[in-house]
Amino acid sequence: MSTTVTFTEFNGASATPTTNRTEMNLKSIDDSTSSYQVNTIVANSNSFTKYQAPLHSGTYNTLNGATFKISSNTPGTGITITGSLQSTYVTPSQVASGDSAMSLVGLVGTFRATSPFGTGGVAGYTAGGNVYASALRLQMQTTSSASTGDTSPVTITYMWSES
């Protein structure tokens, strides 16, 4: 038994999903297809908030411990990556999200059968089939001292246990 995990990104006023995302570039536009190199984040501004959620599929008995962490939440001078797990979708914007710096230790979420948003999330999922883990909201926030050009890469890790 094993589960396959893909990532879904949500954009726009109505949380339009784009499935099978393979990157999580933060940029100055709310979409899942434009290049971050064209939609740059300038010093003293923020990226649009980005919502992505893991979708588990396959055969399993139980899923537990949906956890996200970041390798570094300061990829450059004057730059911070903020993050939180969300059960409510808010239209992405460049206004500071109010989230803390993304956790180096891990944010532990829940599982929901039909959407990562809404009530009724559970820590351990036993129904089998497709299930979303909590949505991760990220934002790059910069100060006037942020340098130009690409930042140092950071890795977002998603972990879980299954049986």
N, C-alpha and C. Protein backbone atom coordinates (compact mmCIF):
# COMPACT_ATOMS: atom_id res chain seq x y z
N MET A 1 0.84 -1.18 0.00
CA MET A 1 0.00 0.00 0.00
C MET A 1 0.88 1.25 0.00
N SER A 2 0.46 2.22 -0.77
CA SER A 2 1.14 3.51 -0.71
C SER A 2 0.25 4.57 -1.33
N THR A 3 0.51 5.77 -0.91
CA THR A 3 -0.25 6.91 -1.43
C THR A 3 0.63 7.71 -2.38
N THR A 4 0.01 8.26 -3.38
CA THR A 4 0.68 9.18 -4.30
C THR A 4 0.22 10.58 -3.91
N VAL A 5 1.17 11.52 -3.91
CA VAL A 5 0.83 12.90 -3.54
C VAL A 5 1.12 13.82 -4.71
N THR A 6 0.13 14.63 -5.06
CA THR A 6 0.31 15.71 -6.02
C THR A 6 -0.09 17.01 -5.31
N PHE A 7 0.28 18.13 -5.88
CA PHE A 7 -0.04 19.42 -5.26
C PHE A 7 -0.99 20.20 -6.15
N THR A 8 -1.98 20.82 -5.52
CA THR A 8 -2.95 21.68 -6.19
C THR A 8 -2.73 23.10 -5.70
N GLU A 9 -2.68 24.04 -6.66
CA GLU A 9 -2.56 25.45 -6.32
C GLU A 9 -3.90 26.12 -6.55
N PHE A 10 -4.25 27.06 -5.68
CA PHE A 10 -5.54 27.76 -5.76
C PHE A 10 -5.28 29.24 -6.00
N ASN A 11 -5.98 29.81 -7.01
CA ASN A 11 -5.79 31.21 -7.38
C ASN A 11 -7.13 31.88 -7.62
N GLY A 12 -7.11 33.22 -7.63
CA GLY A 12 -8.28 34.00 -7.99
C GLY A 12 -9.27 34.17 -6.85
N ALA A 13 -10.35 34.88 -7.13
CA ALA A 13 -11.35 35.20 -6.12
C ALA A 13 -12.13 33.97 -5.66
N SER A 14 -12.20 32.94 -6.50
CA SER A 14 -13.02 31.77 -6.14
C SER A 14 -12.19 30.50 -5.94
N ALA A 15 -10.93 30.62 -5.62
CA ALA A 15 -10.05 29.47 -5.35
C ALA A 15 -10.03 28.48 -6.52
N THR A 16 -9.75 28.99 -7.71
CA THR A 16 -9.67 28.15 -8.90
C THR A 16 -8.47 27.21 -8.77
N PRO A 17 -8.69 25.88 -8.86
CA PRO A 17 -7.59 24.94 -8.67
C PRO A 17 -6.80 24.69 -9.96
N THR A 18 -5.48 24.56 -9.81
CA THR A 18 -4.60 24.05 -10.86
C THR A 18 -3.91 22.84 -10.26
N THR A 19 -4.14 21.68 -10.85
CA THR A 19 -3.62 20.44 -10.28
C THR A 19 -2.21 20.13 -10.76
N ASN A 20 -1.58 19.20 -10.09
CA ASN A 20 -0.26 18.67 -10.46
C ASN A 20 0.82 19.74 -10.56
N ARG A 21 0.86 20.63 -9.59
CA ARG A 21 1.89 21.67 -9.56
C ARG A 21 3.22 21.06 -9.16
N THR A 22 4.28 21.48 -9.81
CA THR A 22 5.61 20.95 -9.50
C THR A 22 6.56 22.02 -8.98
N GLU A 23 6.08 23.25 -8.84
CA GLU A 23 6.90 24.33 -8.28
C GLU A 23 6.02 25.22 -7.42
N MET A 24 6.69 26.10 -6.67
CA MET A 24 5.97 26.99 -5.75
C MET A 24 6.61 28.37 -5.80
N ASN A 25 6.82 28.89 -7.02
CA ASN A 25 7.46 30.18 -7.16
C ASN A 25 6.56 31.30 -6.64
N LEU A 26 7.13 32.16 -5.82
CA LEU A 26 6.42 33.32 -5.29
C LEU A 26 6.70 34.48 -6.24
N LYS A 27 5.65 35.25 -6.59
CA LYS A 27 5.80 36.29 -7.61
C LYS A 27 4.77 37.40 -7.41
N SER A 28 4.82 38.39 -8.29
CA SER A 28 3.95 39.58 -8.14
C SER A 28 2.67 39.47 -8.95
N ILE A 29 2.17 38.27 -9.14
CA ILE A 29 0.91 38.04 -9.83
C ILE A 29 0.24 36.82 -9.20
N ASP A 30 -1.08 36.80 -9.21
CA ASP A 30 -1.83 35.68 -8.64
C ASP A 30 -2.25 34.72 -9.75
N ASP A 31 -1.32 33.87 -10.16
CA ASP A 31 -1.66 32.80 -11.10
C ASP A 31 -0.66 31.67 -10.91
N SER A 32 -0.90 30.57 -11.61
CA SER A 32 -0.02 29.42 -11.43
C SER A 32 0.82 29.13 -12.66
N THR A 33 0.77 29.99 -13.68
CA THR A 33 1.49 29.69 -14.92
C THR A 33 2.52 30.73 -15.34
N SER A 34 2.37 31.99 -14.94
CA SER A 34 3.30 33.04 -15.37
C SER A 34 4.67 32.84 -14.74
N SER A 35 5.68 33.32 -15.44
CA SER A 35 7.06 33.21 -14.97
C SER A 35 7.34 34.18 -13.83
N TYR A 36 8.03 33.70 -12.81
CA TYR A 36 8.44 34.59 -11.72
C TYR A 36 9.49 35.57 -12.22
N GLN A 37 10.20 35.24 -13.30
CA GLN A 37 11.23 36.13 -13.84
C GLN A 37 10.62 37.35 -14.52
N VAL A 38 9.38 37.24 -14.97
CA VAL A 38 8.67 38.35 -15.59
C VAL A 38 7.87 39.12 -14.53
N ASN A 39 7.42 38.41 -13.51
CA ASN A 39 6.58 38.99 -12.45
C ASN A 39 7.36 39.07 -11.14
N THR A 40 8.38 39.90 -11.16
CA THR A 40 9.31 39.98 -10.04
C THR A 40 8.71 40.73 -8.85
N ILE A 41 9.30 40.49 -7.71
CA ILE A 41 8.92 41.17 -6.47
C ILE A 41 9.99 42.21 -6.21
N VAL A 42 9.62 43.47 -6.15
CA VAL A 42 10.60 44.53 -5.94
C VAL A 42 10.77 44.79 -4.45
N ALA A 43 11.92 45.37 -4.12
CA ALA A 43 12.23 45.67 -2.72
C ALA A 43 11.10 46.50 -2.10
N ASN A 44 10.83 46.20 -0.84
CA ASN A 44 9.81 46.89 -0.04
C ASN A 44 8.38 46.58 -0.49
N SER A 45 8.21 45.41 -1.12
CA SER A 45 6.86 44.94 -1.47
C SER A 45 6.79 43.45 -1.18
N ASN A 46 5.65 42.84 -1.44
CA ASN A 46 5.44 41.43 -1.13
C ASN A 46 5.00 40.69 -2.38
N SER A 47 5.19 39.38 -2.36
CA SER A 47 4.58 38.55 -3.39
C SER A 47 3.08 38.47 -3.11
N PHE A 48 2.34 37.98 -4.07
CA PHE A 48 0.96 37.59 -3.79
C PHE A 48 1.02 36.38 -2.87
N THR A 49 0.07 36.25 -1.97
CA THR A 49 0.00 35.03 -1.17
C THR A 49 -0.27 33.87 -2.11
N LYS A 50 0.27 32.71 -1.77
CA LYS A 50 0.12 31.51 -2.60
C LYS A 50 -0.42 30.39 -1.73
N TYR A 51 -1.47 29.73 -2.22
CA TYR A 51 -2.08 28.60 -1.53
C TYR A 51 -1.82 27.33 -2.32
N GLN A 52 -1.19 26.35 -1.69
CA GLN A 52 -1.02 25.03 -2.31
C GLN A 52 -1.35 23.96 -1.28
N ALA A 53 -1.98 22.88 -1.76
CA ALA A 53 -2.39 21.80 -0.86
C ALA A 53 -2.04 20.45 -1.47
N PRO A 54 -1.52 19.52 -0.65
CA PRO A 54 -1.26 18.16 -1.12
C PRO A 54 -2.58 17.39 -1.29
N LEU A 55 -2.64 16.61 -2.34
CA LEU A 55 -3.77 15.72 -2.57
C LEU A 55 -3.24 14.28 -2.59
N HIS A 56 -3.67 13.48 -1.61
CA HIS A 56 -3.27 12.08 -1.52
C HIS A 56 -4.25 11.21 -2.32
N SER A 57 -3.72 10.23 -3.02
CA SER A 57 -4.56 9.24 -3.68
C SER A 57 -3.84 7.90 -3.58
N GLY A 58 -4.56 6.83 -3.82
CA GLY A 58 -3.96 5.50 -3.74
C GLY A 58 -4.60 4.65 -2.67
N THR A 59 -3.87 3.61 -2.28
CA THR A 59 -4.38 2.66 -1.29
C THR A 59 -3.61 2.82 0.01
N TYR A 60 -4.35 3.02 1.10
CA TYR A 60 -3.74 3.17 2.42
C TYR A 60 -4.80 2.87 3.47
N ASN A 61 -4.36 2.58 4.68
CA ASN A 61 -5.29 2.40 5.79
C ASN A 61 -5.49 3.70 6.55
N THR A 62 -4.37 4.37 6.89
CA THR A 62 -4.42 5.59 7.68
C THR A 62 -3.35 6.57 7.23
N LEU A 63 -3.69 7.85 7.18
CA LEU A 63 -2.73 8.93 6.97
C LEU A 63 -2.70 9.78 8.23
N ASN A 64 -1.51 10.15 8.68
CA ASN A 64 -1.33 10.97 9.88
C ASN A 64 -0.22 11.99 9.66
N GLY A 65 -0.21 13.00 10.51
CA GLY A 65 0.93 13.91 10.64
C GLY A 65 1.25 14.74 9.43
N ALA A 66 0.26 15.32 8.76
CA ALA A 66 0.49 16.20 7.62
C ALA A 66 1.30 17.42 8.09
N THR A 67 2.59 17.49 7.71
CA THR A 67 3.50 18.50 8.25
C THR A 67 4.29 19.18 7.13
N PHE A 68 4.35 20.52 7.19
CA PHE A 68 5.16 21.31 6.27
C PHE A 68 6.28 21.99 7.04
N LYS A 69 7.46 22.07 6.42
CA LYS A 69 8.54 22.89 6.99
C LYS A 69 9.38 23.47 5.86
N ILE A 70 10.18 24.47 6.20
CA ILE A 70 11.01 25.17 5.21
C ILE A 70 12.48 25.03 5.62
N SER A 71 13.35 24.98 4.61
CA SER A 71 14.79 24.83 4.90
C SER A 71 15.40 26.12 5.43
N SER A 72 14.88 27.27 5.00
CA SER A 72 15.33 28.58 5.48
C SER A 72 14.23 29.57 5.19
N ASN A 73 13.86 30.40 6.17
CA ASN A 73 12.81 31.39 5.90
C ASN A 73 13.38 32.77 5.62
N THR A 74 14.70 32.86 5.44
CA THR A 74 15.35 34.13 5.08
C THR A 74 16.30 33.86 3.91
N PRO A 75 15.77 33.81 2.68
CA PRO A 75 16.60 33.47 1.52
C PRO A 75 17.52 34.59 1.04
N GLY A 76 17.50 35.74 1.68
CA GLY A 76 18.37 36.84 1.32
C GLY A 76 18.18 38.00 2.27
N THR A 77 19.08 38.97 2.21
CA THR A 77 18.98 40.16 3.05
C THR A 77 17.67 40.88 2.79
N GLY A 78 16.94 41.20 3.85
CA GLY A 78 15.70 41.95 3.74
C GLY A 78 14.53 41.14 3.19
N ILE A 79 14.65 39.80 3.18
CA ILE A 79 13.60 38.95 2.62
C ILE A 79 13.20 37.89 3.65
N THR A 80 11.90 37.73 3.85
CA THR A 80 11.37 36.70 4.75
C THR A 80 10.28 35.94 4.03
N ILE A 81 10.25 34.62 4.22
CA ILE A 81 9.15 33.79 3.72
C ILE A 81 8.23 33.53 4.91
N THR A 82 6.99 33.99 4.81
CA THR A 82 6.01 33.74 5.86
C THR A 82 5.11 32.59 5.43
N GLY A 83 4.52 31.91 6.42
CA GLY A 83 3.65 30.80 6.05
C GLY A 83 2.76 30.36 7.19
N SER A 84 1.62 29.78 6.80
CA SER A 84 0.69 29.22 7.78
C SER A 84 -0.20 28.20 7.06
N LEU A 85 -0.81 27.33 7.86
CA LEU A 85 -1.79 26.39 7.31
C LEU A 85 -3.15 27.03 7.41
N GLN A 86 -3.95 26.89 6.36
CA GLN A 86 -5.23 27.59 6.27
C GLN A 86 -6.37 26.64 5.99
N SER A 87 -7.50 26.85 6.67
CA SER A 87 -8.73 26.13 6.34
C SER A 87 -9.73 27.07 5.67
N THR A 88 -9.37 28.35 5.56
CA THR A 88 -10.20 29.35 4.90
C THR A 88 -9.40 29.99 3.78
N TYR A 89 -10.00 30.10 2.61
CA TYR A 89 -9.35 30.74 1.46
C TYR A 89 -9.71 32.21 1.43
N VAL A 90 -8.69 33.05 1.28
CA VAL A 90 -8.87 34.49 1.12
C VAL A 90 -8.21 34.85 -0.21
N THR A 91 -8.88 35.63 -1.03
CA THR A 91 -8.33 36.01 -2.33
C THR A 91 -6.90 36.51 -2.16
N PRO A 92 -5.95 35.91 -2.88
CA PRO A 92 -4.55 36.31 -2.75
C PRO A 92 -4.35 37.80 -3.06
N SER A 93 -3.41 38.41 -2.31
CA SER A 93 -3.06 39.80 -2.53
C SER A 93 -1.61 40.01 -2.11
N GLN A 94 -1.11 41.23 -2.37
CA GLN A 94 0.24 41.58 -1.97
C GLN A 94 0.29 42.25 -0.60
N VAL A 95 -0.86 42.44 0.03
CA VAL A 95 -0.91 42.98 1.39
C VAL A 95 -0.28 41.94 2.32
N ALA A 96 0.52 42.39 3.28
CA ALA A 96 1.16 41.46 4.22
C ALA A 96 0.12 40.54 4.84
N SER A 97 0.40 39.24 4.79
CA SER A 97 -0.57 38.23 5.23
C SER A 97 -0.81 38.22 6.74
N GLY A 98 0.15 38.72 7.50
CA GLY A 98 0.05 38.65 8.96
C GLY A 98 0.58 37.34 9.52
N ASP A 99 1.04 36.44 8.64
CA ASP A 99 1.61 35.17 9.09
C ASP A 99 3.02 35.37 9.63
N SER A 100 3.43 34.48 10.50
CA SER A 100 4.80 34.49 11.03
C SER A 100 5.75 33.93 9.99
N ALA A 101 7.05 34.07 10.25
CA ALA A 101 8.05 33.44 9.39
C ALA A 101 7.74 31.94 9.32
N MET A 102 7.87 31.37 8.14
CA MET A 102 7.56 29.95 7.94
C MET A 102 8.39 29.09 8.88
N SER A 103 7.78 28.05 9.42
CA SER A 103 8.41 27.21 10.44
C SER A 103 9.55 26.35 9.89
N LEU A 104 10.66 26.38 10.60
CA LEU A 104 11.79 25.49 10.30
C LEU A 104 11.57 24.11 10.91
N VAL A 105 10.69 24.03 11.91
CA VAL A 105 10.42 22.79 12.64
C VAL A 105 9.24 22.05 12.03
N GLY A 106 8.19 22.76 11.68
CA GLY A 106 7.05 22.13 11.03
C GLY A 106 5.72 22.65 11.52
N LEU A 107 4.79 22.81 10.57
CA LEU A 107 3.41 23.15 10.84
C LEU A 107 2.59 21.89 10.60
N VAL A 108 1.85 21.44 11.61
CA VAL A 108 1.10 20.19 11.51
C VAL A 108 -0.35 20.50 11.16
N GLY A 109 -0.83 19.88 10.09
CA GLY A 109 -2.17 20.15 9.60
C GLY A 109 -3.11 18.97 9.76
N THR A 110 -4.21 19.05 9.01
CA THR A 110 -5.26 18.04 9.07
C THR A 110 -5.58 17.57 7.65
N PHE A 111 -6.53 16.63 7.56
CA PHE A 111 -6.97 16.09 6.28
C PHE A 111 -8.46 16.38 6.10
N ARG A 112 -8.87 16.67 4.85
CA ARG A 112 -10.27 16.91 4.49
C ARG A 112 -10.57 16.18 3.18
N ALA A 113 -11.73 15.56 3.09
CA ALA A 113 -12.04 14.69 1.95
C ALA A 113 -12.22 15.42 0.62
N THR A 114 -12.87 16.56 0.59
CA THR A 114 -13.23 17.15 -0.70
C THR A 114 -12.51 18.45 -1.04
N SER A 115 -11.91 19.11 -0.07
CA SER A 115 -11.24 20.38 -0.29
C SER A 115 -10.33 20.65 0.89
N PRO A 116 -9.21 21.35 0.68
CA PRO A 116 -8.39 21.70 1.83
C PRO A 116 -9.00 22.79 2.69
N PHE A 117 -10.07 23.42 2.20
CA PHE A 117 -10.72 24.53 2.91
C PHE A 117 -12.03 24.06 3.51
N GLY A 118 -12.36 24.61 4.67
CA GLY A 118 -13.63 24.29 5.31
C GLY A 118 -13.44 23.70 6.68
N THR A 119 -14.53 23.25 7.27
CA THR A 119 -14.51 22.69 8.61
C THR A 119 -14.35 21.18 8.55
N GLY A 120 -14.14 20.58 9.68
CA GLY A 120 -14.13 19.13 9.76
C GLY A 120 -12.81 18.44 9.45
N GLY A 121 -11.70 19.14 9.50
CA GLY A 121 -10.42 18.50 9.28
C GLY A 121 -10.10 17.52 10.39
N VAL A 122 -9.44 16.41 10.04
CA VAL A 122 -9.08 15.39 11.02
C VAL A 122 -7.57 15.15 10.98
N ALA A 123 -7.00 14.84 12.14
CA ALA A 123 -5.56 14.60 12.24
C ALA A 123 -5.16 13.27 11.59
N GLY A 124 -6.02 12.28 11.66
CA GLY A 124 -5.77 10.98 11.06
C GLY A 124 -6.92 10.62 10.13
N TYR A 125 -6.60 10.28 8.87
CA TYR A 125 -7.64 10.01 7.88
C TYR A 125 -7.65 8.53 7.56
N THR A 126 -8.81 7.90 7.67
CA THR A 126 -8.91 6.45 7.49
C THR A 126 -9.90 6.02 6.43
N ALA A 127 -10.54 6.95 5.73
CA ALA A 127 -11.60 6.58 4.79
C ALA A 127 -11.06 6.03 3.46
N GLY A 128 -9.79 6.21 3.17
CA GLY A 128 -9.23 5.77 1.90
C GLY A 128 -9.62 6.69 0.76
N GLY A 129 -9.02 6.49 -0.40
CA GLY A 129 -9.33 7.30 -1.57
C GLY A 129 -8.64 8.65 -1.53
N ASN A 130 -9.15 9.59 -2.34
CA ASN A 130 -8.54 10.91 -2.43
C ASN A 130 -8.84 11.74 -1.19
N VAL A 131 -7.83 12.46 -0.72
CA VAL A 131 -8.01 13.34 0.43
C VAL A 131 -6.97 14.45 0.37
N TYR A 132 -7.41 15.68 0.70
CA TYR A 132 -6.51 16.82 0.77
C TYR A 132 -5.93 16.95 2.17
N ALA A 133 -4.68 17.39 2.26
CA ALA A 133 -4.12 17.87 3.52
C ALA A 133 -4.34 19.38 3.55
N SER A 134 -4.09 20.00 4.69
CA SER A 134 -4.28 21.45 4.85
C SER A 134 -3.55 22.22 3.77
N ALA A 135 -4.12 23.36 3.40
CA ALA A 135 -3.48 24.25 2.43
C ALA A 135 -2.39 25.06 3.13
N LEU A 136 -1.25 25.17 2.48
CA LEU A 136 -0.16 26.00 2.97
C LEU A 136 -0.23 27.34 2.25
N ARG A 137 -0.30 28.44 3.05
CA ARG A 137 -0.26 29.79 2.48
C ARG A 137 1.13 30.35 2.70
N LEU A 138 1.77 30.77 1.62
CA LEU A 138 3.11 31.36 1.69
C LEU A 138 3.08 32.77 1.12
N GLN A 139 4.04 33.58 1.58
CA GLN A 139 4.25 34.90 1.00
C GLN A 139 5.70 35.30 1.21
N MET A 140 6.29 35.90 0.18
CA MET A 140 7.62 36.50 0.33
C MET A 140 7.41 37.97 0.67
N GLN A 141 7.99 38.40 1.78
CA GLN A 141 7.88 39.79 2.21
C GLN A 141 9.28 40.39 2.20
N THR A 142 9.39 41.60 1.63
CA THR A 142 10.70 42.24 1.50
C THR A 142 10.71 43.61 2.18
N THR A 143 11.90 44.04 2.53
CA THR A 143 12.11 45.38 3.06
C THR A 143 12.88 46.18 2.01
N SER A 144 13.12 47.44 2.29
CA SER A 144 13.85 48.29 1.34
C SER A 144 15.30 47.83 1.17
N SER A 145 15.81 47.00 2.09
CA SER A 145 17.20 46.53 1.98
C SER A 145 17.32 45.25 1.16
N ALA A 146 16.23 44.75 0.61
CA ALA A 146 16.28 43.52 -0.20
C ALA A 146 17.11 43.75 -1.45
N SER A 147 17.98 42.79 -1.75
CA SER A 147 18.82 42.92 -2.94
C SER A 147 18.04 42.51 -4.18
N THR A 148 18.51 42.94 -5.33
CA THR A 148 17.84 42.60 -6.59
C THR A 148 18.30 41.22 -7.07
N GLY A 149 17.53 40.67 -7.98
CA GLY A 149 17.88 39.37 -8.56
C GLY A 149 17.25 38.21 -7.82
N ASP A 150 17.56 37.00 -8.29
CA ASP A 150 17.02 35.80 -7.67
C ASP A 150 17.52 35.64 -6.25
N THR A 151 16.71 35.04 -5.40
CA THR A 151 17.09 34.74 -4.02
C THR A 151 17.77 33.38 -3.97
N SER A 152 18.32 33.07 -2.82
CA SER A 152 18.82 31.71 -2.61
C SER A 152 17.62 30.78 -2.59
N PRO A 153 17.74 29.60 -3.21
CA PRO A 153 16.59 28.68 -3.19
C PRO A 153 16.32 28.16 -1.78
N VAL A 154 15.06 27.93 -1.49
CA VAL A 154 14.65 27.29 -0.24
C VAL A 154 13.80 26.08 -0.61
N THR A 155 13.76 25.12 0.29
CA THR A 155 13.00 23.89 0.05
C THR A 155 11.85 23.82 1.04
N ILE A 156 10.65 23.61 0.51
CA ILE A 156 9.48 23.35 1.33
C ILE A 156 9.32 21.83 1.35
N THR A 157 9.29 21.26 2.55
CA THR A 157 9.13 19.81 2.69
C THR A 157 7.74 19.51 3.24
N TYR A 158 7.08 18.54 2.61
CA TYR A 158 5.80 18.05 3.11
C TYR A 158 6.03 16.60 3.56
N MET A 159 5.65 16.29 4.80
CA MET A 159 5.84 14.96 5.37
C MET A 159 4.53 14.44 5.92
N TRP A 160 4.38 13.11 5.96
CA TRP A 160 3.23 12.46 6.56
C TRP A 160 3.62 11.02 6.87
N SER A 161 2.80 10.36 7.65
CA SER A 161 3.01 8.93 7.87
C SER A 161 1.77 8.21 7.38
N GLU A 162 1.95 6.99 6.94
CA GLU A 162 0.82 6.20 6.45
C GLU A 162 1.01 4.74 6.79
N SER A 163 -0.10 4.05 6.86
CA SER A 163 -0.06 2.60 7.06
C SER A 163 -1.14 1.99 6.20
